[in-house]
C-alpha atoms as a PDB file:
ATOM      1  CA  UNK A   1     -19.995  -1.509  18.191  1.00  0.00           C
ATOM      2  CA  UNK A   2     -18.375   0.456  14.771  1.00  0.00           C
ATOM      3  CA  UNK A   3     -15.236   0.319  14.281  1.00  0.00           C
ATOM      4  CA  UNK A   4     -13.979   3.875  12.511  1.00  0.00           C
ATOM      5  CA  UNK A   5     -11.254   4.297  10.254  1.00  0.00           C
ATOM      6  CA  UNK A   6      -9.392   7.351  10.398  1.00  0.00           C
ATOM      7  CA  UNK A   7      -7.152   7.674   6.796  1.00  0.00           C
ATOM      8  CA  UNK A   8      -6.343  10.683   4.189  1.00  0.00           C
ATOM      9  CA  UNK A   9      -6.567  10.274   0.807  1.00  0.00           C
ATOM     10  CA  UNK A  10      -2.965   9.053  -0.695  1.00  0.00           C
ATOM     11  CA  UNK A  11      -1.708   7.694   2.463  1.00  0.00           C
ATOM     12  CA  UNK A  12      -0.508   4.206   0.962  1.00  0.00           C
ATOM     13  CA  UNK A  13      -0.144   2.760   4.944  1.00  0.00           C
ATOM     14  CA  UNK A  14      -3.678   3.950   5.197  1.00  0.00           C
ATOM     15  CA  UNK A  15      -4.776   2.114   2.006  1.00  0.00           C
ATOM     16  CA  UNK A  16      -3.555  -1.117   3.376  1.00  0.00           C
ATOM     17  CA  UNK A  17      -5.864  -0.496   6.245  1.00  0.00           C
ATOM     18  CA  UNK A  18      -8.711  -0.464   3.927  1.00  0.00           C
ATOM     19  CA  UNK A  19      -7.610  -3.181   1.770  1.00  0.00           C
ATOM     20  CA  UNK A  20      -7.309  -4.932   4.683  1.00  0.00           C
ATOM     21  CA  UNK A  21     -10.669  -4.107   5.774  1.00  0.00           C
ATOM     22  CA  UNK A  22     -12.337  -5.240   2.141  1.00  0.00           C
ATOM     23  CA  UNK A  23     -10.124  -8.032   1.938  1.00  0.00           C
ATOM     24  CA  UNK A  24     -11.348  -9.530   5.739  1.00  0.00           C
ATOM     25  CA  UNK A  25     -15.170  -8.624   4.841  1.00  0.00           C
ATOM     26  CA  UNK A  26     -15.305  -6.157   7.542  1.00  0.00           C
ATOM     27  CA  UNK A  27     -17.194  -2.909   7.630  1.00  0.00           C
ATOM     28  CA  UNK A  28     -16.197   0.313   9.355  1.00  0.00           C
ATOM     29  CA  UNK A  29     -17.028   3.599   9.272  1.00  0.00           C
ATOM     30  CA  UNK A  30     -15.256   5.878   7.110  1.00  0.00           C
ATOM     31  CA  UNK A  31     -13.553   9.055   8.881  1.00  0.00           C
ATOM     32  CA  UNK A  32     -11.363  10.618   5.631  1.00  0.00           C
ATOM     33  CA  UNK A  33      -8.802  13.368   7.421  1.00  0.00           C
ATOM     34  CA  UNK A  34      -7.613  16.305   4.470  1.00  0.00           C
ATOM     35  CA  UNK A  35      -4.032  16.574   4.812  1.00  0.00           C
ATOM     36  CA  UNK A  36      -4.227  20.119   2.440  1.00  0.00           C
ATOM     37  CA  UNK A  37      -6.714  21.142   6.399  1.00  0.00           C
ATOM     38  CA  UNK A  38      -4.510  20.122   8.227  1.00  0.00           C
ATOM     39  CA  UNK A  39      -7.361  17.720  10.068  1.00  0.00           C
ATOM     40  CA  UNK A  40      -4.583  15.655  10.946  1.00  0.00           C
ATOM     41  CA  UNK A  41      -3.324  18.453  13.029  1.00  0.00           C
ATOM     42  CA  UNK A  42      -6.600  19.068  14.867  1.00  0.00           C
ATOM     43  CA  UNK A  43      -7.642  18.777  18.757  1.00  0.00           C
ATOM     44  CA  UNK A  44     -10.137  15.788  17.660  1.00  0.00           C
ATOM     45  CA  UNK A  45      -7.684  14.053  15.851  1.00  0.00           C
ATOM     46  CA  UNK A  46      -4.407  14.148  17.861  1.00  0.00           C
ATOM     47  CA  UNK A  47      -6.661  13.208  20.722  1.00  0.00           C
ATOM     48  CA  UNK A  48      -6.845   9.153  18.775  1.00  0.00           C
ATOM     49  CA  UNK A  49      -3.177   9.366  17.175  1.00  0.00           C
ATOM     50  CA  UNK A  50      -0.758  12.337  19.148  1.00  0.00           C
ATOM     51  CA  UNK A  51       1.400  11.486  16.392  1.00  0.00           C
ATOM     52  CA  UNK A  52      -1.035  13.099  13.782  1.00  0.00           C
ATOM     53  CA  UNK A  53      -0.919  10.400  11.711  1.00  0.00           C
ATOM     54  CA  UNK A  54      -3.095   8.008  10.137  1.00  0.00           C
ATOM     55  CA  UNK A  55      -4.256   5.515   9.460  1.00  0.00           C
ATOM     56  CA  UNK A  56      -5.673   5.110  13.202  1.00  0.00           C
ATOM     57  CA  UNK A  57      -8.488   3.287  14.155  1.00  0.00           C
ATOM     58  CA  UNK A  58     -11.280   3.184  17.455  1.00  0.00           C
ATOM     59  CA  UNK A  59     -14.005   1.160  18.359  1.00  0.00           C
ATOM     60  CA  UNK A  60     -15.115   2.464  21.675  1.00  0.00           C
ATOM     61  CA  UNK A  61     -12.607   3.353  23.558  1.00  0.00           C
ATOM     62  CA  UNK A  62      -9.929   1.204  22.073  1.00  0.00           C
ATOM     63  CA  UNK A  63      -7.162   3.217  19.361  1.00  0.00           C
ATOM     64  CA  UNK A  64      -4.395   1.846  17.716  1.00  0.00           C
ATOM     65  CA  UNK A  65      -1.891   3.495  14.904  1.00  0.00           C
ATOM     66  CA  UNK A  66       0.113   2.027  12.492  1.00  0.00           C
ATOM     67  CA  UNK A  67      -0.702  -0.073   9.654  1.00  0.00           C
ATOM     68  CA  UNK A  68       0.976  -3.199  10.606  1.00  0.00           C
ATOM     69  CA  UNK A  69      -0.771  -3.227  13.735  1.00  0.00           C
ATOM     70  CA  UNK A  70      -4.017  -2.263  12.156  1.00  0.00           C
ATOM     71  CA  UNK A  71      -3.860  -5.088  10.030  1.00  0.00           C
ATOM     72  CA  UNK A  72      -2.801  -7.370  12.804  1.00  0.00           C
ATOM     73  CA  UNK A  73      -5.463  -6.491  15.306  1.00  0.00           C
ATOM     74  CA  UNK A  74      -8.017  -7.352  12.332  1.00  0.00           C
ATOM     75  CA  UNK A  75      -6.739 -10.376  11.934  1.00  0.00           C
ATOM     76  CA  UNK A  76      -7.100 -11.263  15.620  1.00  0.00           C
ATOM     77  CA  UNK A  77     -10.445  -9.395  16.010  1.00  0.00           C
ATOM     78  CA  UNK A  78     -12.820 -11.828  14.441  1.00  0.00           C
ATOM     79  CA  UNK A  79     -12.845 -15.578  15.148  1.00  0.00           C
ATOM     80  CA  UNK A  80     -14.484 -16.177  11.060  1.00  0.00           C
ATOM     81  CA  UNK A  81     -13.735 -15.053   8.324  1.00  0.00           C
ATOM     82  CA  UNK A  82     -10.768 -14.693   5.490  1.00  0.00           C
ATOM     83  CA  UNK A  83      -7.362 -14.172   7.157  1.00  0.00           C
ATOM     84  CA  UNK A  84      -4.844 -11.289   6.966  1.00  0.00           C
ATOM     85  CA  UNK A  85      -2.087 -13.345   8.219  1.00  0.00           C
ATOM     86  CA  UNK A  86      -2.665 -17.124   7.561  1.00  0.00           C
ATOM     87  CA  UNK A  87      -4.004 -20.314   9.378  1.00  0.00           C
ATOM     88  CA  UNK A  88      -0.320 -22.092  10.155  1.00  0.00           C
ATOM     89  CA  UNK A  89       2.423 -20.500  12.356  1.00  0.00           C
ATOM     90  CA  UNK A  90       4.240 -20.547   9.218  1.00  0.00           C
ATOM     91  CA  UNK A  91       2.495 -18.797   6.962  1.00  0.00           C
ATOM     92  CA  UNK A  92       2.365 -16.039   9.755  1.00  0.00           C
ATOM     93  CA  UNK A  93       5.485 -15.787   9.729  1.00  0.00           C
ATOM     94  CA  UNK A  94       6.576 -15.362   6.258  1.00  0.00           C
ATOM     95  CA  UNK A  95       3.555 -12.501   5.545  1.00  0.00           C
ATOM     96  CA  UNK A  96       5.557 -10.833   8.454  1.00  0.00           C
ATOM     97  CA  UNK A  97       8.525 -11.292   6.602  1.00  0.00           C
ATOM     98  CA  UNK A  98       7.063 -10.565   3.571  1.00  0.00           C
ATOM     99  CA  UNK A  99       5.749  -6.990   4.822  1.00  0.00           C
ATOM    100  CA  UNK A 100       8.870  -6.103   6.984  1.00  0.00           C
ATOM    101  CA  UNK A 101      10.899  -7.141   3.642  1.00  0.00           C
ATOM    102  CA  UNK A 102       8.702  -4.852   2.108  1.00  0.00           C
ATOM    103  CA  UNK A 103       8.961  -1.841   5.376  1.00  0.00           C
ATOM    104  CA  UNK A 104      12.791  -2.097   5.490  1.00  0.00           C
ATOM    105  CA  UNK A 105      14.124  -2.270   2.079  1.00  0.00           C
ATOM    106  CA  UNK A 106      11.792  -1.895  -0.663  1.00  0.00           C
ATOM    107  CA  UNK A 107       9.922   0.876   1.091  1.00  0.00           C
ATOM    108  CA  UNK A 108      12.906   3.337   1.276  1.00  0.00           C
ATOM    109  CA  UNK A 109      13.932   2.348  -2.288  1.00  0.00           C
ATOM    110  CA  UNK A 110      11.159   3.222  -4.131  1.00  0.00           C
ATOM    111  CA  UNK A 111      10.780   5.865  -2.342  1.00  0.00           C
ATOM    112  CA  UNK A 112      14.186   7.183  -3.254  1.00  0.00           C
ATOM    113  CA  UNK A 113      12.790   7.013  -6.827  1.00  0.00           C
ATOM    114  CA  UNK A 114       8.978   8.037  -6.055  1.00  0.00           C
ATOM    115  CA  UNK A 115       9.705  11.113  -3.785  1.00  0.00           C
ATOM    116  CA  UNK A 116      12.220  13.556  -5.675  1.00  0.00           C
ATOM    117  CA  UNK A 117       9.248  13.247  -8.430  1.00  0.00           C
ATOM    118  CA  UNK A 118       6.220  13.963  -5.637  1.00  0.00           C
ATOM    119  CA  UNK A 119       6.896  15.807  -3.631  1.00  0.00           C
ATOM    120  CA  UNK A 120      10.534  17.199  -4.051  1.00  0.00           C
ATOM    121  CA  UNK A 121      12.045  19.934  -6.078  1.00  0.00           C
ATOM    122  CA  UNK A 122      13.121  18.917  -9.889  1.00  0.00           C
ATOM    123  CA  UNK A 123      16.015  15.975  -8.329  1.00  0.00           C
ATOM    124  CA  UNK A 124      19.633  16.854  -9.460  1.00  0.00           C
ATOM    125  CA  UNK A 125      21.633  15.015 -12.460  1.00  0.00           C
ATOM    126  CA  UNK A 126      21.777  11.426 -11.990  1.00  0.00           C
ATOM    127  CA  UNK A 127      20.240  10.675  -8.727  1.00  0.00           C
ATOM    128  CA  UNK A 128      16.484   9.476 -10.028  1.00  0.00           C
ATOM    129  CA  UNK A 129      18.863   7.003 -12.453  1.00  0.00           C
ATOM    130  CA  UNK A 130      21.172   6.203  -9.598  1.00  0.00           C
ATOM    131  CA  UNK A 131      18.045   5.168  -7.419  1.00  0.00           C
ATOM    132  CA  UNK A 132      16.548   2.702 -10.424  1.00  0.00           C
ATOM    133  CA  UNK A 133      18.941  -0.340  -9.578  1.00  0.00           C
ATOM    134  CA  UNK A 134      17.839  -0.830  -6.531  1.00  0.00           C
ATOM    135  CA  UNK A 135      14.165  -0.550  -7.226  1.00  0.00           C
ATOM    136  CA  UNK A 136      14.487  -2.805 -10.294  1.00  0.00           C
ATOM    137  CA  UNK A 137      16.243  -5.817  -7.358  1.00  0.00           C
ATOM    138  CA  UNK A 138      13.075  -5.091  -5.128  1.00  0.00           C
ATOM    139  CA  UNK A 139      10.821  -5.892  -8.210  1.00  0.00           C
ATOM    140  CA  UNK A 140      12.595  -8.532  -9.109  1.00  0.00           C
ATOM    141  CA  UNK A 141      12.223 -10.482  -5.499  1.00  0.00           C
ATOM    142  CA  UNK A 142       8.437  -9.739  -5.236  1.00  0.00           C
ATOM    143  CA  UNK A 143       8.297 -11.418  -8.812  1.00  0.00           C
ATOM    144  CA  UNK A 144      10.191 -14.568  -7.463  1.00  0.00           C
ATOM    145  CA  UNK A 145       7.786 -14.609  -4.754  1.00  0.00           C
ATOM    146  CA  UNK A 146       5.310 -14.842  -6.766  1.00  0.00           C
ATOM    147  CA  UNK A 147       6.561 -17.127  -9.695  1.00  0.00           C
ATOM    148  CA  UNK A 148       6.579 -19.988  -7.148  1.00  0.00           C
ATOM    149  CA  UNK A 149       3.017 -19.061  -5.589  1.00  0.00           C
ATOM    150  CA  UNK A 150       1.952 -22.752  -5.645  1.00  0.00           C
ATOM    151  CA  UNK A 151      -1.430 -21.539  -6.975  1.00  0.00           C
ATOM    152  CA  UNK A 152      -3.278 -17.889  -7.808  1.00  0.00           C
ATOM    153  CA  UNK A 153      -0.212 -15.402  -7.387  1.00  0.00           C
ATOM    154  CA  UNK A 154       0.326 -13.942  -4.008  1.00  0.00           C
ATOM    155  CA  UNK A 155       3.413 -12.984  -2.327  1.00  0.00           C
ATOM    156  CA  UNK A 156       2.992 -16.228   0.244  1.00  0.00           C
ATOM    157  CA  UNK A 157       1.311 -18.992  -0.958  1.00  0.00           C
ATOM    158  CA  UNK A 158      -1.419 -18.947  -2.779  1.00  0.00           C
ATOM    159  CA  UNK A 159      -4.332 -16.952  -0.434  1.00  0.00           C
ATOM    160  CA  UNK A 160      -4.092 -13.023  -0.458  1.00  0.00           C
ATOM    161  CA  UNK A 161      -2.471 -11.939   2.504  1.00  0.00           C
ATOM    162  CA  UNK A 162      -1.369  -8.555   4.876  1.00  0.00           C
ATOM    163  CA  UNK A 163       1.480  -8.928   2.459  1.00  0.00           C
ATOM    164  CA  UNK A 164       0.151  -8.372  -0.662  1.00  0.00           C
ATOM    165  CA  UNK A 165      -1.994  -5.581   0.404  1.00  0.00           C
ATOM    166  CA  UNK A 166       1.589  -3.848   2.108  1.00  0.00           C
ATOM    167  CA  UNK A 167       3.430  -4.443  -1.812  1.00  0.00           C
ATOM    168  CA  UNK A 168       0.860  -3.947  -3.960  1.00  0.00           C
ATOM    169  CA  UNK A 169       0.189  -0.217  -2.339  1.00  0.00           C
ATOM    170  CA  UNK A 170       3.859   0.403  -2.143  1.00  0.00           C
ATOM    171  CA  UNK A 171       4.033  -0.193  -5.746  1.00  0.00           C
ATOM    172  CA  UNK A 172       1.286   1.545  -6.441  1.00  0.00           C
ATOM    173  CA  UNK A 173       2.841   4.795  -5.055  1.00  0.00           C
ATOM    174  CA  UNK A 174       6.190   4.112  -7.234  1.00  0.00           C
ATOM    175  CA  UNK A 175       3.578   4.308 -10.459  1.00  0.00           C
ATOM    176  CA  UNK A 176       1.964   7.591  -9.217  1.00  0.00           C
ATOM    177  CA  UNK A 177       6.044   8.882  -9.034  1.00  0.00           C
ATOM    178  CA  UNK A 178       6.833   7.921 -12.337  1.00  0.00           C
ATOM    179  CA  UNK A 179       3.545   9.782 -13.959  1.00  0.00           C
ATOM    180  CA  UNK A 180       4.863  12.911 -12.499  1.00  0.00           C
ATOM    181  CA  UNK A 181       6.434  15.243 -15.214  1.00  0.00           C
ATOM    182  CA  UNK A 182       9.695  15.045 -14.000  1.00  0.00           C
ATOM    183  CA  UNK A 183       9.895  11.070 -14.369  1.00  0.00           C
ATOM    184  CA  UNK A 184       9.563  12.459 -18.476  1.00  0.00           C
ATOM    185  CA  UNK A 185      12.065  13.981 -18.978  1.00  0.00           C
ATOM    186  CA  UNK A 186      14.365  12.449 -17.191  1.00  0.00           C
ATOM    187  CA  UNK A 187      13.606   9.332 -19.411  1.00  0.00           C
ATOM    188  CA  UNK A 188      12.630   7.066 -16.430  1.00  0.00           C
ATOM    189  CA  UNK A 189      11.219   4.487 -18.694  1.00  0.00           C
ATOM    190  CA  UNK A 190       9.321   2.166 -16.796  1.00  0.00           C
ATOM    191  CA  UNK A 191       5.939   2.222 -17.417  1.00  0.00           C
ATOM    192  CA  UNK A 192       4.182  -0.177 -17.395  1.00  0.00           C
ATOM    193  CA  UNK A 193       6.340  -1.723 -14.479  1.00  0.00           C
ATOM    194  CA  UNK A 194       3.557  -5.174 -16.086  1.00  0.00           C
ATOM    195  CA  UNK A 195       5.594  -4.720 -19.461  1.00  0.00           C
ATOM    196  CA  UNK A 196       8.634  -5.298 -17.778  1.00  0.00           C
ATOM    197  CA  UNK A 197       7.325  -7.156 -14.937  1.00  0.00           C
ATOM    198  CA  UNK A 198       4.750  -9.562 -16.491  1.00  0.00           C
ATOM    199  CA  UNK A 199       4.059 -11.099 -13.022  1.00  0.00           C
ATOM    200  CA  UNK A 200       3.053  -8.319 -11.575  1.00  0.00           C
ATOM    201  CA  UNK A 201      -0.407  -7.857 -13.781  1.00  0.00           C
ATOM    202  CA  UNK A 202      -2.223 -11.206 -13.006  1.00  0.00           C
ATOM    203  CA  UNK A 203      -1.195 -10.865  -9.079  1.00  0.00           C
ATOM    204  CA  UNK A 204      -2.665  -6.614  -9.347  1.00  0.00           C
ATOM    205  CA  UNK A 205      -5.770  -7.976 -10.658  1.00  0.00           C
ATOM    206  CA  UNK A 206      -6.494 -10.131  -7.812  1.00  0.00           C
ATOM    207  CA  UNK A 207      -6.227  -7.479  -5.524  1.00  0.00           C
ATOM    208  CA  UNK A 208      -8.018  -5.525  -7.553  1.00  0.00           C
ATOM    209  CA  UNK A 209     -10.745  -7.912  -7.819  1.00  0.00           C
ATOM    210  CA  UNK A 210     -10.894  -8.043  -3.630  1.00  0.00           C
ATOM    211  CA  UNK A 211     -14.584  -6.431  -3.288  1.00  0.00           C
ATOM    212  CA  UNK A 212     -14.555  -2.736  -2.310  1.00  0.00           C
ATOM    213  CA  UNK A 213     -11.200  -2.700  -4.514  1.00  0.00           C
ATOM    214  CA  UNK A 214     -12.938   0.584  -5.947  1.00  0.00           C
ATOM    215  CA  UNK A 215     -13.937   2.852  -2.997  1.00  0.00           C
ATOM    216  CA  UNK A 216     -10.683   2.223  -1.003  1.00  0.00           C
ATOM    217  CA  UNK A 217      -9.210   3.560  -4.330  1.00  0.00           C
ATOM    218  CA  UNK A 218      -6.902   6.922  -3.804  1.00  0.00           C
ATOM    219  CA  UNK A 219      -9.865   9.473  -4.888  1.00  0.00           C
ATOM    220  CA  UNK A 220      -6.885  12.579  -5.373  1.00  0.00           C
ATOM    221  CA  UNK A 221      -5.166   9.798  -7.819  1.00  0.00           C
ATOM    222  CA  UNK A 222      -8.414   9.986 -10.369  1.00  0.00           C
ATOM    223  CA  UNK A 223      -7.213  13.308 -10.987  1.00  0.00           C
ATOM    224  CA  UNK A 224      -4.921  16.113 -11.605  1.00  0.00           C
ATOM    225  CA  UNK A 225      -2.905  15.859 -15.282  1.00  0.00           C
ATOM    226  CA  UNK A 226      -1.579  12.598 -14.828  1.00  0.00           C
ATOM    227  CA  UNK A 227      -4.616  11.067 -13.341  1.00  0.00           C
ATOM    228  CA  UNK A 228      -3.752   6.720 -12.358  1.00  0.00           C
ATOM    229  CA  UNK A 229      -6.456   4.898 -13.675  1.00  0.00           C
ATOM    230  CA  UNK A 230      -7.750   1.956 -10.840  1.00  0.00           C
ATOM    231  CA  UNK A 231      -5.952  -0.947 -12.235  1.00  0.00           C
ATOM    232  CA  UNK A 232      -2.246  -1.499 -12.284  1.00  0.00           C
ATOM    233  CA  UNK A 233      -0.828  -1.782 -15.803  1.00  0.00           C
END
């Protein structure tokens, strides 16, 4: 039975799920929704997710929303293939901890800097500068994990997992914000991220080498006045 994935371009939670299917080497039927056309508020999609948010999946009569829940479901749905949450209890716990560290700590910190640049009016003086220290703390923490990898860089161990997908897409959201004109006007000298945090380069390259990565990249992020390259850097 086909698995349908409902997503929207630019939603980092949806991007996590698309990367999860790529990493797990599982096919799916793409159901891209347009935010500008309010397709996430359509009657048809609200029947899938009454909250009107992506991502969501449907397999027959089974539907599920919330990106981490979908990744966990995908990890258990198939017996064979790459695992998104490790192969031992210890790995599963560590990967979940890293995902929740992002959700509860890094995401708010990165969002306080990126969201005003992407979605707000001109930020008040000092607002963006005040947000930078928390971002620096979270990127330092991520790089410490990468330094502790016992093989190729990964957030947990040496195998790519759901934790890598969560943190990678979050960094790309931050990077997108930092390419906006307001970031230049406020002299936010954080790009390239790999210049100050060089550990990110090899790690990001691993994520970007996932077969099918290019097909998961938010399509509209390649367009506009400051388009993002497919690769972090």
